[in-house]
Amino acid sequence: MSKAKARSRRTTKTATTSRPRFNKLAFFGDLGYEPHTGQLEVHQSDAPRRILACGVRWGKTKCAAMEGLPAVCLPQQCNIGAYSAVIDSSGMAHTP
């Protein structure tokens, strides 16, 4: 796929503005990232903050990294006022 065609696939025109809207899922597809159902729910959320309390190997780090990529690539179209933190909580359930 040509770069121009891939770029046009990632953007769509909105009815209220002439500026194209970024298609995050198409962008992920171009990168070869296929989020599972839980990750997809996070990526589709409009919540200003998203907290993930998940088990080991759920994909929290990858989900957060992929969520941040569009904000880095298109800062003028993304709300990057909030920062994400991924914390390994695997040791929290164990007592010494």
C-alpha atoms as a PDB file:
ATOM      1  CA  MET A   1       0.000   0.000   0.000  1.00  0.00           C
ATOM      2  CA  SER A   2       1.381   3.423  -0.902  1.00  0.00           C
ATOM      3  CA  LYS A   3       2.089   5.926   1.884  1.00  0.00           C
ATOM      4  CA  ALA A   4      -0.522   8.365   0.567  1.00  0.00           C
ATOM      5  CA  LYS A   5      -3.189   5.656   0.412  1.00  0.00           C
ATOM      6  CA  ALA A   6      -2.341   4.445   3.935  1.00  0.00           C
ATOM      7  CA  ARG A   7      -2.507   8.031   5.238  1.00  0.00           C
ATOM      8  CA  SER A   8      -5.908   8.625   3.642  1.00  0.00           C
ATOM      9  CA  ARG A   9      -7.191   5.378   5.160  1.00  0.00           C
ATOM     10  CA  ARG A  10      -6.194   6.576   8.629  1.00  0.00           C
ATOM     11  CA  THR A  11      -8.123   9.824   8.324  1.00  0.00           C
ATOM     12  CA  THR A  12     -11.768  10.598   7.621  1.00  0.00           C
ATOM     13  CA  LYS A  13     -13.523  13.945   7.159  1.00  0.00           C
ATOM     14  CA  THR A  14     -15.913  14.989   9.912  1.00  0.00           C
ATOM     15  CA  ALA A  15     -19.220  16.727   9.265  1.00  0.00           C
ATOM     16  CA  THR A  16     -18.465  19.676  11.561  1.00  0.00           C
ATOM     17  CA  THR A  17     -14.957  20.491  10.385  1.00  0.00           C
ATOM     18  CA  SER A  18     -12.945  20.299   7.214  1.00  0.00           C
ATOM     19  CA  ARG A  19      -9.922  18.948   9.094  1.00  0.00           C
ATOM     20  CA  PRO A  20      -9.592  15.169   8.744  1.00  0.00           C
ATOM     21  CA  ARG A  21     -10.168  13.082  11.876  1.00  0.00           C
ATOM     22  CA  PHE A  22      -7.519  10.546  12.830  1.00  0.00           C
ATOM     23  CA  ASN A  23      -8.571   6.874  12.621  1.00  0.00           C
ATOM     24  CA  LYS A  24      -6.707   5.261  15.489  1.00  0.00           C
ATOM     25  CA  LEU A  25      -7.705   1.679  14.654  1.00  0.00           C
ATOM     26  CA  ALA A  26      -6.538   1.983  11.045  1.00  0.00           C
ATOM     27  CA  PHE A  27      -3.262   3.420  12.352  1.00  0.00           C
ATOM     28  CA  PHE A  28      -2.893   0.415  14.666  1.00  0.00           C
ATOM     29  CA  GLY A  29      -3.572  -1.918  11.744  1.00  0.00           C
ATOM     30  CA  ASP A  30      -0.841  -0.236   9.711  1.00  0.00           C
ATOM     31  CA  LEU A  31       1.559  -0.918  12.591  1.00  0.00           C
ATOM     32  CA  GLY A  32       0.493  -4.560  12.813  1.00  0.00           C
ATOM     33  CA  TYR A  33      -1.094  -4.108  16.254  1.00  0.00           C
ATOM     34  CA  GLU A  34      -4.309  -6.049  16.788  1.00  0.00           C
ATOM     35  CA  PRO A  35      -5.732  -5.204  20.228  1.00  0.00           C
ATOM     36  CA  HIS A  36      -7.733  -7.881  22.006  1.00  0.00           C
ATOM     37  CA  THR A  37     -11.292  -7.157  23.177  1.00  0.00           C
ATOM     38  CA  GLY A  38     -10.239  -5.580  26.478  1.00  0.00           C
ATOM     39  CA  GLN A  39      -7.574  -3.390  24.876  1.00  0.00           C
ATOM     40  CA  LEU A  40     -10.019  -2.352  22.175  1.00  0.00           C
ATOM     41  CA  GLU A  41     -12.429  -1.143  24.859  1.00  0.00           C
ATOM     42  CA  VAL A  42      -9.658   1.041  26.295  1.00  0.00           C
ATOM     43  CA  HIS A  43      -8.741   2.449  22.859  1.00  0.00           C
ATOM     44  CA  GLN A  44     -12.365   3.285  22.039  1.00  0.00           C
ATOM     45  CA  SER A  45     -13.037   4.997  25.372  1.00  0.00           C
ATOM     46  CA  ASP A  46     -13.554   8.765  25.448  1.00  0.00           C
ATOM     47  CA  ALA A  47     -12.831   8.922  29.185  1.00  0.00           C
ATOM     48  CA  PRO A  48     -10.159  11.472  30.097  1.00  0.00           C
ATOM     49  CA  ARG A  49      -8.511   8.888  32.403  1.00  0.00           C
ATOM     50  CA  ARG A  50      -8.471   5.139  31.984  1.00  0.00           C
ATOM     51  CA  ILE A  51      -7.360   2.891  34.816  1.00  0.00           C
ATOM     52  CA  LEU A  52      -6.484  -0.719  34.075  1.00  0.00           C
ATOM     53  CA  ALA A  53      -6.493  -3.230  36.910  1.00  0.00           C
ATOM     54  CA  CYS A  54      -5.560  -6.389  35.060  1.00  0.00           C
ATOM     55  CA  GLY A  55      -3.571  -9.547  35.522  1.00  0.00           C
ATOM     56  CA  VAL A  56      -0.078 -10.393  34.406  1.00  0.00           C
ATOM     57  CA  ARG A  57       0.490 -10.467  30.609  1.00  0.00           C
ATOM     58  CA  TRP A  58      -2.822  -8.714  29.837  1.00  0.00           C
ATOM     59  CA  GLY A  59      -1.061  -6.187  27.622  1.00  0.00           C
ATOM     60  CA  LYS A  60      -1.251  -3.051  29.781  1.00  0.00           C
ATOM     61  CA  THR A  61       2.131  -1.704  28.691  1.00  0.00           C
ATOM     62  CA  LYS A  62       1.505  -2.290  24.993  1.00  0.00           C
ATOM     63  CA  CYS A  63      -2.008  -0.829  25.280  1.00  0.00           C
ATOM     64  CA  ALA A  64      -0.677   2.332  26.964  1.00  0.00           C
ATOM     65  CA  ALA A  65       2.173   2.659  24.459  1.00  0.00           C
ATOM     66  CA  MET A  66      -0.146   2.276  21.491  1.00  0.00           C
ATOM     67  CA  GLU A  67      -2.593   4.740  23.057  1.00  0.00           C
ATOM     68  CA  GLY A  68       0.198   7.307  23.294  1.00  0.00           C
ATOM     69  CA  LEU A  69       1.469   6.969  19.718  1.00  0.00           C
ATOM     70  CA  PRO A  70      -1.344   8.954  18.049  1.00  0.00           C
ATOM     71  CA  ALA A  71      -0.858  11.742  20.606  1.00  0.00           C
ATOM     72  CA  VAL A  72       2.827  11.925  19.701  1.00  0.00           C
ATOM     73  CA  CYS A  73       2.229  11.727  15.950  1.00  0.00           C
ATOM     74  CA  LEU A  74      -0.692  14.182  15.847  1.00  0.00           C
ATOM     75  CA  PRO A  75      -0.540  16.352  18.982  1.00  0.00           C
ATOM     76  CA  GLN A  76      -2.853  18.989  17.496  1.00  0.00           C
ATOM     77  CA  GLN A  77      -5.673  16.410  17.164  1.00  0.00           C
ATOM     78  CA  CYS A  78      -5.246  14.545  20.457  1.00  0.00           C
ATOM     79  CA  ASN A  79      -5.822  15.505  24.043  1.00  0.00           C
ATOM     80  CA  ILE A  80      -2.482  14.845  25.716  1.00  0.00           C
ATOM     81  CA  GLY A  81      -3.146  16.762  28.900  1.00  0.00           C
ATOM     82  CA  ALA A  82      -3.197  13.580  30.982  1.00  0.00           C
ATOM     83  CA  TYR A  83      -0.303  11.180  31.315  1.00  0.00           C
ATOM     84  CA  SER A  84      -0.473   7.415  31.702  1.00  0.00           C
ATOM     85  CA  ALA A  85       1.396   5.264  34.150  1.00  0.00           C
ATOM     86  CA  VAL A  86       1.687   1.508  33.958  1.00  0.00           C
ATOM     87  CA  ILE A  87       2.489  -0.132  37.259  1.00  0.00           C
ATOM     88  CA  ASP A  88       3.439  -3.756  37.758  1.00  0.00           C
ATOM     89  CA  SER A  89       1.164  -4.888  40.557  1.00  0.00           C
ATOM     90  CA  SER A  90       2.130  -8.568  40.445  1.00  0.00           C
ATOM     91  CA  GLY A  91       3.979  -8.309  43.767  1.00  0.00           C
ATOM     92  CA  MET A  92       1.163  -6.498  45.531  1.00  0.00           C
ATOM     93  CA  ALA A  93      -0.863  -9.663  46.127  1.00  0.00           C
ATOM     94  CA  HIS A  94       2.005 -11.487  47.801  1.00  0.00           C
ATOM     95  CA  THR A  95       2.986 -11.046  51.413  1.00  0.00           C
ATOM     96  CA  PRO A  96       6.613 -11.439  52.509  1.00  0.00           C
END
